[in-house]
PDB file of N, CA and C in Angstrom:
ATOM      1  N   MET A   1       0.836  -1.178   0.000  1.00  0.00           N
ATOM      2  CA  MET A   1       0.000   0.000   0.000  1.00  0.00           C
ATOM      3  C   MET A   1       0.881   1.242   0.000  1.00  0.00           C
ATOM      4  N   LYS A   2       0.495   2.258  -0.730  1.00  0.00           N
ATOM      5  CA  LYS A   2       1.285   3.477  -0.828  1.00  0.00           C
ATOM      6  C   LYS A   2       0.710   4.579   0.065  1.00  0.00           C
ATOM      7  N   VAL A   3       1.461   5.663   0.220  1.00  0.00           N
ATOM      8  CA  VAL A   3       1.002   6.825   0.980  1.00  0.00           C
ATOM      9  C   VAL A   3      -0.215   7.407   0.270  1.00  0.00           C
ATOM     10  N   GLN A   4      -1.254   7.706   1.059  1.00  0.00           N
ATOM     11  CA  GLN A   4      -2.483   8.254   0.501  1.00  0.00           C
ATOM     12  C   GLN A   4      -3.016   9.360   1.395  1.00  0.00           C
ATOM     13  N   LYS A   5      -3.775  10.276   0.812  1.00  0.00           N
ATOM     14  CA  LYS A   5      -4.439  11.349   1.552  1.00  0.00           C
ATOM     15  C   LYS A   5      -5.941  11.203   1.308  1.00  0.00           C
ATOM     16  N   PHE A   6      -6.732  11.444   2.361  1.00  0.00           N
ATOM     17  CA  PHE A   6      -8.178  11.315   2.236  1.00  0.00           C
ATOM     18  C   PHE A   6      -8.866  12.560   2.792  1.00  0.00           C
ATOM     19  N   SER A   7     -10.073  12.820   2.306  1.00  0.00           N
ATOM     20  CA  SER A   7     -10.943  13.835   2.889  1.00  0.00           C
ATOM     21  C   SER A   7     -12.317  13.199   3.080  1.00  0.00           C
ATOM     22  N   VAL A   8     -13.163  13.857   3.835  1.00  0.00           N
ATOM     23  CA  VAL A   8     -14.474  13.280   4.145  1.00  0.00           C
ATOM     24  C   VAL A   8     -15.282  13.038   2.865  1.00  0.00           C
ATOM     25  N   GLU A   9     -15.043  13.828   1.835  1.00  0.00           N
ATOM     26  CA  GLU A   9     -15.755  13.634   0.566  1.00  0.00           C
ATOM     27  C   GLU A   9     -15.411  12.296  -0.096  1.00  0.00           C
ATOM     28  N   ASP A  10     -14.274  11.718   0.275  1.00  0.00           N
ATOM     29  CA  ASP A  10     -13.865  10.421  -0.276  1.00  0.00           C
ATOM     30  C   ASP A  10     -14.626   9.251   0.349  1.00  0.00           C
ATOM     31  N   ALA A  11     -15.254   9.468   1.488  1.00  0.00           N
ATOM     32  CA  ALA A  11     -15.899   8.384   2.235  1.00  0.00           C
ATOM     33  C   ALA A  11     -17.326   8.142   1.746  1.00  0.00           C
ATOM     34  N   ASN A  12     -17.672   6.884   1.586  1.00  0.00           N
ATOM     35  CA  ASN A  12     -19.045   6.478   1.299  1.00  0.00           C
ATOM     36  C   ASN A  12     -19.701   6.181   2.643  1.00  0.00           C
ATOM     37  N   LEU A  13     -20.383   7.180   3.206  1.00  0.00           N
ATOM     38  CA  LEU A  13     -20.957   7.041   4.551  1.00  0.00           C
ATOM     39  C   LEU A  13     -22.240   6.218   4.508  1.00  0.00           C
ATOM     40  N   VAL A  14     -22.277   5.145   5.300  1.00  0.00           N
ATOM     41  CA  VAL A  14     -23.440   4.270   5.411  1.00  0.00           C
ATOM     42  C   VAL A  14     -23.805   4.122   6.881  1.00  0.00           C
ATOM     43  N   ARG A  15     -25.049   3.763   7.150  1.00  0.00           N
ATOM     44  CA  ARG A  15     -25.500   3.622   8.541  1.00  0.00           C
ATOM     45  C   ARG A  15     -24.585   2.660   9.290  1.00  0.00           C
ATOM     46  N   SER A  16     -24.232   3.037  10.504  1.00  0.00           N
ATOM     47  CA  SER A  16     -23.363   2.209  11.343  1.00  0.00           C
ATOM     48  C   SER A  16     -23.991   0.831  11.515  1.00  0.00           C
ATOM     49  N   PRO A  17     -23.224  -0.248  11.284  1.00  0.00           N
ATOM     50  CA  PRO A  17     -23.770  -1.609  11.330  1.00  0.00           C
ATOM     51  C   PRO A  17     -24.488  -1.921  12.646  1.00  0.00           C
ATOM     52  N   GLY A  18     -25.687  -2.492  12.534  1.00  0.00           N
ATOM     53  CA  GLY A  18     -26.440  -2.922  13.702  1.00  0.00           C
ATOM     54  C   GLY A  18     -27.091  -1.803  14.480  1.00  0.00           C
ATOM     55  N   GLN A  19     -27.116  -0.586  13.942  1.00  0.00           N
ATOM     56  CA  GLN A  19     -27.658   0.561  14.661  1.00  0.00           C
ATOM     57  C   GLN A  19     -28.833   1.161  13.893  1.00  0.00           C
ATOM     58  N   ASP A  20     -29.802   1.734  14.633  1.00  0.00           N
ATOM     59  CA  ASP A  20     -30.926   2.423  14.015  1.00  0.00           C
ATOM     60  C   ASP A  20     -30.760   3.937  14.036  1.00  0.00           C
ATOM     61  N   ALA A  21     -29.794   4.431  14.791  1.00  0.00           N
ATOM     62  CA  ALA A  21     -29.597   5.868  14.939  1.00  0.00           C
ATOM     63  C   ALA A  21     -29.076   6.477  13.639  1.00  0.00           C
ATOM     64  N   ASP A  22     -29.162   7.807  13.544  1.00  0.00           N
ATOM     65  CA  ASP A  22     -28.620   8.519  12.395  1.00  0.00           C
ATOM     66  C   ASP A  22     -27.125   8.736  12.604  1.00  0.00           C
ATOM     67  N   ILE A  23     -26.393   7.636  12.533  1.00  0.00           N
ATOM     68  CA  ILE A  23     -24.943   7.611  12.690  1.00  0.00           C
ATOM     69  C   ILE A  23     -24.387   6.833  11.497  1.00  0.00           C
ATOM     70  N   PHE A  24     -23.467   7.482  10.778  1.00  0.00           N
ATOM     71  CA  PHE A  24     -22.969   6.921   9.535  1.00  0.00           C
ATOM     72  C   PHE A  24     -21.447   6.817   9.567  1.00  0.00           C
ATOM     73  N   VAL A  25     -20.915   5.761   8.970  1.00  0.00           N
ATOM     74  CA  VAL A  25     -19.470   5.533   8.932  1.00  0.00           C
ATOM     75  C   VAL A  25     -19.053   5.226   7.496  1.00  0.00           C
ATOM     76  N   GLY A  26     -17.798   5.543   7.213  1.00  0.00           N
ATOM     77  CA  GLY A  26     -17.264   5.247   5.895  1.00  0.00           C
ATOM     78  C   GLY A  26     -15.793   4.914   5.979  1.00  0.00           C
ATOM     79  N   ASN A  27     -15.463   3.651   5.754  1.00  0.00           N
ATOM     80  CA  ASN A  27     -14.063   3.222   5.770  1.00  0.00           C
ATOM     81  C   ASN A  27     -13.367   3.701   4.504  1.00  0.00           C
ATOM     82  N   LEU A  28     -12.132   4.159   4.687  1.00  0.00           N
ATOM     83  CA  LEU A  28     -11.287   4.541   3.553  1.00  0.00           C
ATOM     84  C   LEU A  28     -10.133   3.574   3.375  1.00  0.00           C
ATOM     85  N   VAL A  29      -9.672   2.990   4.481  1.00  0.00           N
ATOM     86  CA  VAL A  29      -8.658   1.937   4.472  1.00  0.00           C
ATOM     87  C   VAL A  29      -9.184   0.844   5.378  1.00  0.00           C
ATOM     88  N   ASP A  30      -9.173  -0.384   4.915  1.00  0.00           N
ATOM     89  CA  ASP A  30      -9.616  -1.502   5.754  1.00  0.00           C
ATOM     90  C   ASP A  30      -8.990  -2.795   5.252  1.00  0.00           C
ATOM     91  N   GLU A  31      -9.538  -3.920   5.641  1.00  0.00           N
ATOM     92  CA  GLU A  31      -8.951  -5.217   5.309  1.00  0.00           C
ATOM     93  C   GLU A  31      -8.831  -5.433   3.802  1.00  0.00           C
ATOM     94  N   ARG A  32      -9.645  -4.773   3.027  1.00  0.00           N
ATOM     95  CA  ARG A  32      -9.585  -4.910   1.568  1.00  0.00           C
ATOM     96  C   ARG A  32      -8.320  -4.302   0.983  1.00  0.00           C
ATOM     97  N   ASN A  33      -7.665  -3.394   1.742  1.00  0.00           N
ATOM     98  CA  ASN A  33      -6.457  -2.731   1.260  1.00  0.00           C
ATOM     99  C   ASN A  33      -5.181  -3.414   1.724  1.00  0.00           C
ATOM    100  N   GLY A  34      -5.302  -4.411   2.591  1.00  0.00           N
ATOM    101  CA  GLY A  34      -4.140  -5.153   3.040  1.00  0.00           C
ATOM    102  C   GLY A  34      -3.385  -4.544   4.213  1.00  0.00           C
ATOM    103  N   GLY A  35      -3.851  -3.410   4.730  1.00  0.00           N
ATOM    104  CA  GLY A  35      -3.202  -2.802   5.894  1.00  0.00           C
ATOM    105  C   GLY A  35      -3.691  -3.428   7.197  1.00  0.00           C
ATOM    106  N   PRO A  36      -3.027  -3.168   8.315  1.00  0.00           N
ATOM    107  CA  PRO A  36      -3.398  -3.778   9.596  1.00  0.00           C
ATOM    108  C   PRO A  36      -4.483  -3.022  10.363  1.00  0.00           C
ATOM    109  N   ILE A  37      -4.890  -1.833   9.870  1.00  0.00           N
ATOM    110  CA  ILE A  37      -5.848  -0.997  10.593  1.00  0.00           C
ATOM    111  C   ILE A  37      -6.992  -0.593   9.680  1.00  0.00           C
ATOM    112  N   THR A  38      -8.057  -0.076  10.296  1.00  0.00           N
ATOM    113  CA  THR A  38      -9.155   0.536   9.557  1.00  0.00           C
ATOM    114  C   THR A  38      -9.109   2.030   9.838  1.00  0.00           C
ATOM    115  N   ILE A  39      -9.271   2.843   8.794  1.00  0.00           N
ATOM    116  CA  ILE A  39      -9.314   4.292   8.912  1.00  0.00           C
ATOM    117  C   ILE A  39     -10.574   4.771   8.203  1.00  0.00           C
ATOM    118  N   GLY A  40     -11.294   5.707   8.822  1.00  0.00           N
ATOM    119  CA  GLY A  40     -12.484   6.234   8.173  1.00  0.00           C
ATOM    120  C   GLY A  40     -13.046   7.441   8.880  1.00  0.00           C
ATOM    121  N   TYR A  41     -14.229   7.837   8.433  1.00  0.00           N
ATOM    122  CA  TYR A  41     -14.951   8.974   8.998  1.00  0.00           C
ATOM    123  C   TYR A  41     -16.284   8.512   9.563  1.00  0.00           C
ATOM    124  N   GLY A  42     -16.767   9.232  10.566  1.00  0.00           N
ATOM    125  CA  GLY A  42     -18.089   8.998  11.131  1.00  0.00           C
ATOM    126  C   GLY A  42     -18.865  10.298  11.197  1.00  0.00           C
ATOM    127  N   ARG A  43     -20.137  10.250  10.898  1.00  0.00           N
ATOM    128  CA  ARG A  43     -21.000  11.429  10.997  1.00  0.00           C
ATOM    129  C   ARG A  43     -22.175  11.087  11.908  1.00  0.00           C
ATOM    130  N   TYR A  44     -22.313  11.863  12.979  1.00  0.00           N
ATOM    131  CA  TYR A  44     -23.360  11.680  13.982  1.00  0.00           C
ATOM    132  C   TYR A  44     -24.343  12.833  13.867  1.00  0.00           C
ATOM    133  N   ALA A  45     -25.623  12.532  13.623  1.00  0.00           N
ATOM    134  CA  ALA A  45     -26.649  13.569  13.591  1.00  0.00           C
ATOM    135  C   ALA A  45     -26.865  14.103  15.012  1.00  0.00           C
ATOM    136  N   PRO A  46     -27.530  15.260  15.156  1.00  0.00           N
ATOM    137  CA  PRO A  46     -27.799  15.802  16.493  1.00  0.00           C
ATOM    138  C   PRO A  46     -28.631  14.839  17.344  1.00  0.00           C
ATOM    139  N   ASN A  47     -28.346  14.819  18.629  1.00  0.00           N
ATOM    140  CA  ASN A  47     -29.134  14.080  19.624  1.00  0.00           C
ATOM    141  C   ASN A  47     -29.270  12.595  19.304  1.00  0.00           C
ATOM    142  N   GLN A  48     -28.157  11.965  18.956  1.00  0.00           N
ATOM    143  CA  GLN A  48     -28.133  10.532  18.663  1.00  0.00           C
ATOM    144  C   GLN A  48     -27.341   9.801  19.739  1.00  0.00           C
ATOM    145  N   SER A  49     -27.584   8.499  19.836  1.00  0.00           N
ATOM    146  CA  SER A  49     -26.886   7.695  20.830  1.00  0.00           C
ATOM    147  C   SER A  49     -26.593   6.318  20.256  1.00  0.00           C
ATOM    148  N   LEU A  50     -25.370   5.850  20.476  1.00  0.00           N
ATOM    149  CA  LEU A  50     -24.935   4.537  20.017  1.00  0.00           C
ATOM    150  C   LEU A  50     -24.322   3.819  21.216  1.00  0.00           C
ATOM    151  N   THR A  51     -24.793   2.617  21.499  1.00  0.00           N
ATOM    152  CA  THR A  51     -24.262   1.830  22.615  1.00  0.00           C
ATOM    153  C   THR A  51     -23.745   0.511  22.072  1.00  0.00           C
ATOM    154  N   GLU A  52     -22.493   0.186  22.426  1.00  0.00           N
ATOM    155  CA  GLU A  52     -21.935  -1.108  22.034  1.00  0.00           C
ATOM    156  C   GLU A  52     -20.724  -1.438  22.882  1.00  0.00           C
ATOM    157  N   THR A  53     -20.390  -2.710  22.897  1.00  0.00           N
ATOM    158  CA  THR A  53     -19.144  -3.158  23.509  1.00  0.00           C
ATOM    159  C   THR A  53     -18.106  -3.185  22.401  1.00  0.00           C
ATOM    160  N   MET A  54     -16.998  -2.517  22.628  1.00  0.00           N
ATOM    161  CA  MET A  54     -15.988  -2.362  21.591  1.00  0.00           C
ATOM    162  C   MET A  54     -15.406  -3.722  21.205  1.00  0.00           C
ATOM    163  N   ALA A  55     -15.507  -4.063  19.921  1.00  0.00           N
ATOM    164  CA  ALA A  55     -14.972  -5.329  19.410  1.00  0.00           C
ATOM    165  C   ALA A  55     -13.507  -5.185  19.016  1.00  0.00           C
ATOM    166  N   VAL A  56     -13.017  -3.929  18.949  1.00  0.00           N
ATOM    167  CA  VAL A  56     -11.641  -3.613  18.553  1.00  0.00           C
ATOM    168  C   VAL A  56     -11.170  -2.427  19.387  1.00  0.00           C
ATOM    169  N   ASP A  57      -9.880  -2.149  19.351  1.00  0.00           N
ATOM    170  CA  ASP A  57      -9.377  -0.900  19.913  1.00  0.00           C
ATOM    171  C   ASP A  57      -9.707   0.210  18.923  1.00  0.00           C
ATOM    172  N   ASP A  58     -10.306   1.296  19.413  1.00  0.00           N
ATOM    173  CA  ASP A  58     -10.810   2.359  18.546  1.00  0.00           C
ATOM    174  C   ASP A  58     -10.299   3.709  19.024  1.00  0.00           C
ATOM    175  N   VAL A  59      -9.731   4.482  18.117  1.00  0.00           N
ATOM    176  CA  VAL A  59      -9.323   5.854  18.383  1.00  0.00           C
ATOM    177  C   VAL A  59     -10.219   6.748  17.544  1.00  0.00           C
ATOM    178  N   MET A  60     -10.918   7.681  18.193  1.00  0.00           N
ATOM    179  CA  MET A  60     -11.836   8.589  17.503  1.00  0.00           C
ATOM    180  C   MET A  60     -11.337  10.017  17.677  1.00  0.00           C
ATOM    181  N   ILE A  61     -11.208  10.741  16.566  1.00  0.00           N
ATOM    182  CA  ILE A  61     -10.779  12.140  16.579  1.00  0.00           C
ATOM    183  C   ILE A  61     -11.990  12.981  16.203  1.00  0.00           C
ATOM    184  N   VAL A  62     -12.354  13.929  17.054  1.00  0.00           N
ATOM    185  CA  VAL A  62     -13.496  14.797  16.769  1.00  0.00           C
ATOM    186  C   VAL A  62     -13.020  15.929  15.856  1.00  0.00           C
ATOM    187  N   LEU A  63     -13.598  15.989  14.659  1.00  0.00           N
ATOM    188  CA  LEU A  63     -13.232  17.010  13.680  1.00  0.00           C
ATOM    189  C   LEU A  63     -14.149  18.218  13.753  1.00  0.00           C
ATOM    190  N   ASP A  64     -15.390  17.986  14.157  1.00  0.00           N
ATOM    191  CA  ASP A  64     -16.366  19.064  14.260  1.00  0.00           C
ATOM    192  C   ASP A  64     -17.475  18.620  15.198  1.00  0.00           C
ATOM    193  N   GLY A  65     -18.062  19.549  15.913  1.00  0.00           N
ATOM    194  CA  GLY A  65     -19.171  19.240  16.810  1.00  0.00           C
ATOM    195  C   GLY A  65     -18.695  18.808  18.180  1.00  0.00           C
ATOM    196  N   ARG A  66     -19.596  18.074  18.859  1.00  0.00           N
ATOM    197  CA  ARG A  66     -19.336  17.660  20.240  1.00  0.00           C
ATOM    198  C   ARG A  66     -20.049  16.346  20.504  1.00  0.00           C
ATOM    199  N   LEU A  67     -19.406  15.486  21.290  1.00  0.00           N
ATOM    200  CA  LEU A  67     -20.050  14.244  21.710  1.00  0.00           C
ATOM    201  C   LEU A  67     -19.559  13.861  23.099  1.00  0.00           C
ATOM    202  N   VAL A  68     -20.272  12.926  23.701  1.00  0.00           N
ATOM    203  CA  VAL A  68     -19.928  12.413  25.026  1.00  0.00           C
ATOM    204  C   VAL A  68     -19.797  10.907  24.910  1.00  0.00           C
ATOM    205  N   VAL A  69     -18.720  10.348  25.478  1.00  0.00           N
ATOM    206  CA  VAL A  69     -18.526   8.908  25.525  1.00  0.00           C
ATOM    207  C   VAL A  69     -18.640   8.493  26.981  1.00  0.00           C
ATOM    208  N   SER A  70     -19.627   7.636  27.267  1.00  0.00           N
ATOM    209  CA  SER A  70     -19.895   7.198  28.632  1.00  0.00           C
ATOM    210  C   SER A  70     -19.587   5.717  28.794  1.00  0.00           C
ATOM    211  N   THR A  71     -19.033   5.362  29.957  1.00  0.00           N
ATOM    212  CA  THR A  71     -18.771   3.970  30.328  1.00  0.00           C
ATOM    213  C   THR A  71     -19.262   3.784  31.750  1.00  0.00           C
ATOM    214  N   SER A  72     -19.116   2.587  32.272  1.00  0.00           N
ATOM    215  CA  SER A  72     -19.539   2.333  33.652  1.00  0.00           C
ATOM    216  C   SER A  72     -18.704   3.123  34.655  1.00  0.00           C
ATOM    217  N   SER A  73     -17.525   3.583  34.242  1.00  0.00           N
ATOM    218  CA  SER A  73     -16.664   4.318  35.172  1.00  0.00           C
ATOM    219  C   SER A  73     -16.740   5.831  35.004  1.00  0.00           C
ATOM    220  N   GLY A  74     -17.591   6.328  34.099  1.00  0.00           N
ATOM    221  CA  GLY A  74     -17.730   7.772  33.939  1.00  0.00           C
ATOM    222  C   GLY A  74     -17.895   8.178  32.491  1.00  0.00           C
ATOM    223  N   SER A  75     -17.827   9.493  32.257  1.00  0.00           N
ATOM    224  CA  SER A  75     -18.035  10.045  30.924  1.00  0.00           C
ATOM    225  C   SER A  75     -16.939  11.041  30.590  1.00  0.00           C
ATOM    226  N   VAL A  76     -16.651  11.142  29.280  1.00  0.00           N
ATOM    227  CA  VAL A  76     -15.756  12.186  28.787  1.00  0.00           C
ATOM    228  C   VAL A  76     -16.481  12.937  27.681  1.00  0.00           C
ATOM    229  N   SER A  77     -16.360  14.253  27.708  1.00  0.00           N
ATOM    230  CA  SER A  77     -16.884  15.092  26.636  1.00  0.00           C
ATOM    231  C   SER A  77     -15.749  15.382  25.683  1.00  0.00           C
ATOM    232  N   ALA A  78     -16.044  15.363  24.401  1.00  0.00           N
ATOM    233  CA  ALA A  78     -15.024  15.623  23.395  1.00  0.00           C
ATOM    234  C   ALA A  78     -15.582  16.585  22.362  1.00  0.00           C
ATOM    235  N   GLU A  79     -14.731  17.526  21.961  1.00  0.00           N
ATOM    236  CA  GLU A  79     -15.116  18.481  20.929  1.00  0.00           C
ATOM    237  C   GLU A  79     -13.985  18.602  19.932  1.00  0.00           C
ATOM    238  N   ARG A  80     -14.152  19.479  18.983  1.00  0.00           N
ATOM    239  CA  ARG A  80     -13.193  19.638  17.887  1.00  0.00           C
ATOM    240  C   ARG A  80     -11.746  19.617  18.384  1.00  0.00           C
ATOM    241  N   GLY A  81     -10.958  18.698  17.786  1.00  0.00           N
ATOM    242  CA  GLY A  81      -9.548  18.576  18.135  1.00  0.00           C
ATOM    243  C   GLY A  81      -9.245  17.550  19.209  1.00  0.00           C
ATOM    244  N   ASP A  82     -10.269  17.041  19.880  1.00  0.00           N
ATOM    245  CA  ASP A  82     -10.063  16.046  20.939  1.00  0.00           C
ATOM    246  C   ASP A  82      -9.990  14.640  20.359  1.00  0.00           C
ATOM    247  N   ILE A  83      -9.262  13.783  21.064  1.00  0.00           N
ATOM    248  CA  ILE A  83      -9.104  12.378  20.691  1.00  0.00           C
ATOM    249  C   ILE A  83      -9.633  11.522  21.833  1.00  0.00           C
ATOM    250  N   VAL A  84     -10.431  10.514  21.514  1.00  0.00           N
ATOM    251  CA  VAL A  84     -10.972   9.588  22.509  1.00  0.00           C
ATOM    252  C   VAL A  84     -10.499   8.180  22.152  1.00  0.00           C
ATOM    253  N   TYR A  85      -9.902   7.500  23.126  1.00  0.00           N
ATOM    254  CA  TYR A  85      -9.488   6.104  22.947  1.00  0.00           C
ATOM    255  C   TYR A  85     -10.498   5.212  23.646  1.00  0.00           C
ATOM    256  N   MET A  86     -11.017   4.217  22.920  1.00  0.00           N
ATOM    257  CA  MET A  86     -11.978   3.266  23.462  1.00  0.00           C
ATOM    258  C   MET A  86     -11.390   1.862  23.307  1.00  0.00           C
ATOM    259  N   PRO A  87     -10.939   1.255  24.412  1.00  0.00           N
ATOM    260  CA  PRO A  87     -10.274  -0.046  24.310  1.00  0.00           C
ATOM    261  C   PRO A  87     -11.234  -1.192  24.012  1.00  0.00           C
ATOM    262  N   LYS A  88     -10.697  -2.203  23.364  1.00  0.00           N
ATOM    263  CA  LYS A  88     -11.445  -3.429  23.081  1.00  0.00           C
ATOM    264  C   LYS A  88     -12.023  -3.972  24.378  1.00  0.00           C
ATOM    265  N   GLY A  89     -13.311  -4.376  24.332  1.00  0.00           N
ATOM    266  CA  GLY A  89     -13.991  -4.953  25.487  1.00  0.00           C
ATOM    267  C   GLY A  89     -14.751  -3.951  26.337  1.00  0.00           C
ATOM    268  N   GLU A  90     -14.513  -2.660  26.142  1.00  0.00           N
ATOM    269  CA  GLU A  90     -15.177  -1.610  26.932  1.00  0.00           C
ATOM    270  C   GLU A  90     -16.585  -1.378  26.396  1.00  0.00           C
ATOM    271  N   ALA A  91     -17.584  -1.349  27.276  1.00  0.00           N
ATOM    272  CA  ALA A  91     -18.956  -1.015  26.893  1.00  0.00           C
ATOM    273  C   ALA A  91     -19.075   0.506  26.905  1.00  0.00           C
ATOM    274  N   VAL A  92     -19.427   1.092  25.758  1.00  0.00           N
ATOM    275  CA  VAL A  92     -19.502   2.541  25.638  1.00  0.00           C
ATOM    276  C   VAL A  92     -20.856   2.971  25.085  1.00  0.00           C
ATOM    277  N   THR A  93     -21.238   4.190  25.441  1.00  0.00           N
ATOM    278  CA  THR A  93     -22.368   4.864  24.817  1.00  0.00           C
ATOM    279  C   THR A  93     -21.838   6.192  24.304  1.00  0.00           C
ATOM    280  N   ILE A  94     -21.986   6.413  23.006  1.00  0.00           N
ATOM    281  CA  ILE A  94     -21.562   7.663  22.377  1.00  0.00           C
ATOM    282  C   ILE A  94     -22.819   8.462  22.088  1.00  0.00           C
ATOM    283  N   THR A  95     -22.870   9.683  22.618  1.00  0.00           N
ATOM    284  CA  THR A  95     -24.051  10.530  22.500  1.00  0.00           C
ATOM    285  C   THR A  95     -23.648  11.881  21.925  1.00  0.00           C
ATOM    286  N   THR A  96     -24.408  12.360  20.943  1.00  0.00           N
ATOM    287  CA  THR A  96     -24.152  13.694  20.410  1.00  0.00           C
ATOM    288  C   THR A  96     -25.052  14.699  21.093  1.00  0.00           C
ATOM    289  N   GLU A  97     -24.556  15.913  21.166  1.00  0.00           N
ATOM    290  CA  GLU A  97     -25.317  17.008  21.738  1.00  0.00           C
ATOM    291  C   GLU A  97     -25.318  18.139  20.721  1.00  0.00           C
ATOM    292  N   GLY A  98     -26.372  18.939  20.718  1.00  0.00           N
ATOM    293  CA  GLY A  98     -26.394  20.096  19.827  1.00  0.00           C
ATOM    294  C   GLY A  98     -26.379  19.703  18.375  1.00  0.00           C
ATOM    295  N   GLU A  99     -25.350  20.149  17.655  1.00  0.00           N
ATOM    296  CA  GLU A  99     -25.318  20.012  16.200  1.00  0.00           C
ATOM    297  C   GLU A  99     -24.848  18.659  15.691  1.00  0.00           C
ATOM    298  N   GLY A 100     -24.504  17.726  16.578  1.00  0.00           N
ATOM    299  CA  GLY A 100     -23.969  16.443  16.132  1.00  0.00           C
ATOM    300  C   GLY A 100     -22.458  16.515  16.048  1.00  0.00           C
ATOM    301  N   ALA A 101     -21.850  15.593  15.304  1.00  0.00           N
ATOM    302  CA  ALA A 101     -20.386  15.564  15.245  1.00  0.00           C
ATOM    303  C   ALA A 101     -19.904  14.870  13.977  1.00  0.00           C
ATOM    304  N   LEU A 102     -18.711  15.291  13.543  1.00  0.00           N
ATOM    305  CA  LEU A 102     -17.971  14.629  12.483  1.00  0.00           C
ATOM    306  C   LEU A 102     -16.686  14.127  13.116  1.00  0.00           C
ATOM    307  N   THR A 103     -16.390  12.839  12.906  1.00  0.00           N
ATOM    308  CA  THR A 103     -15.197  12.245  13.509  1.00  0.00           C
ATOM    309  C   THR A 103     -14.375  11.525  12.451  1.00  0.00           C
ATOM    310  N   ALA A 104     -13.131  11.266  12.790  1.00  0.00           N
ATOM    311  CA  ALA A 104     -12.287  10.349  12.040  1.00  0.00           C
ATOM    312  C   ALA A 104     -11.937   9.233  13.010  1.00  0.00           C
ATOM    313  N   TYR A 105     -11.710   8.034  12.501  1.00  0.00           N
ATOM    314  CA  TYR A 105     -11.389   6.927  13.397  1.00  0.00           C
ATOM    315  C   TYR A 105     -10.286   6.051  12.820  1.00  0.00           C
ATOM    316  N   VAL A 106      -9.597   5.397  13.748  1.00  0.00           N
ATOM    317  CA  VAL A 106      -8.600   4.388  13.420  1.00  0.00           C
ATOM    318  C   VAL A 106      -8.878   3.218  14.350  1.00  0.00           C
ATOM    319  N   THR A 107      -9.016   2.022  13.808  1.00  0.00           N
ATOM    320  CA  THR A 107      -9.247   0.845  14.650  1.00  0.00           C
ATOM    321  C   THR A 107      -8.200  -0.225  14.371  1.00  0.00           C
ATOM    322  N   TYR A 108      -7.957  -1.019  15.402  1.00  0.00           N
ATOM    323  CA  TYR A 108      -7.090  -2.187  15.273  1.00  0.00           C
ATOM    324  C   TYR A 108      -7.706  -3.313  16.082  1.00  0.00           C
ATOM    325  N   PRO A 109      -7.908  -4.475  15.539  1.00  0.00           N
ATOM    326  CA  PRO A 109      -7.808  -4.760  14.106  1.00  0.00           C
ATOM    327  C   PRO A 109      -8.989  -4.166  13.371  1.00  0.00           C
ATOM    328  N   HIS A 110      -9.330  -4.686  12.219  1.00  0.00           N
ATOM    329  CA  HIS A 110     -10.413  -4.154  11.412  1.00  0.00           C
ATOM    330  C   HIS A 110     -11.760  -4.398  12.082  1.00  0.00           C
ATOM    331  N   TRP A 111     -12.565  -3.329  12.248  1.00  0.00           N
ATOM    332  CA  TRP A 111     -13.828  -3.486  12.952  1.00  0.00           C
ATOM    333  C   TRP A 111     -14.853  -4.277  12.143  1.00  0.00           C
ATOM    334  N   ALA A 112     -14.833  -4.195  10.835  1.00  0.00           N
ATOM    335  CA  ALA A 112     -15.802  -4.962  10.037  1.00  0.00           C
ATOM    336  C   ALA A 112     -15.623  -6.459  10.252  1.00  0.00           C
ATOM    337  N   GLU A 113     -14.377  -6.910  10.330  1.00  0.00           N
ATOM    338  CA  GLU A 113     -14.117  -8.342  10.573  1.00  0.00           C
ATOM    339  C   GLU A 113     -14.574  -8.739  11.972  1.00  0.00           C
ATOM    340  N   ALA A 114     -14.430  -7.847  12.935  1.00  0.00           N
ATOM    341  CA  ALA A 114     -14.821  -8.146  14.318  1.00  0.00           C
ATOM    342  C   ALA A 114     -16.324  -8.242  14.482  1.00  0.00           C
ATOM    343  N   HIS A 115     -17.097  -7.578  13.580  1.00  0.00           N
ATOM    344  CA  HIS A 115     -18.553  -7.602  13.662  1.00  0.00           C
ATOM    345  C   HIS A 115     -19.173  -8.739  12.865  1.00  0.00           C
ATOM    346  N   ASP A 116     -18.385  -9.432  12.060  1.00  0.00           N
ATOM    347  CA  ASP A 116     -18.928 -10.531  11.251  1.00  0.00           C
ATOM    348  C   ASP A 116     -19.200 -11.772  12.070  1.00  0.00           C
TER     349      ASP A 116
END
C-alpha cells in the first residue's frame, strides 16, 4: 500500500452496522487494502446515541461538533480537536449534543471483521 491522503468527501458514509440511529461511517482503508488498521470517517446527527461493547481498539478524533462517551466508570466530553481512545472490550455509549459531530477513526484490528 502506498502513501495516501483522504478527505471526508472520499468516504461512502453508510449507517453504522447494527444501529438504528442517524450515525454513519465510511471506511477509507480496511482489510480490503491489506493494511493492519481501519481508517475512516463517522457522521453523527444531532441528539443521537450509540451503545456497544468495543470489538476492537478504537481511536476517535473529533473534527467538528461535540459528543460524550460514557462507560460504567464515567463520561468524557469531546469536541473539535479532541481524541478519545476506546479499548477493546469496553462497553460505551456515544451521545451527540447540539449540532452532532464529524469524527475520524482508526481501529485495530479491522472493525468490520470483528462484527462478522
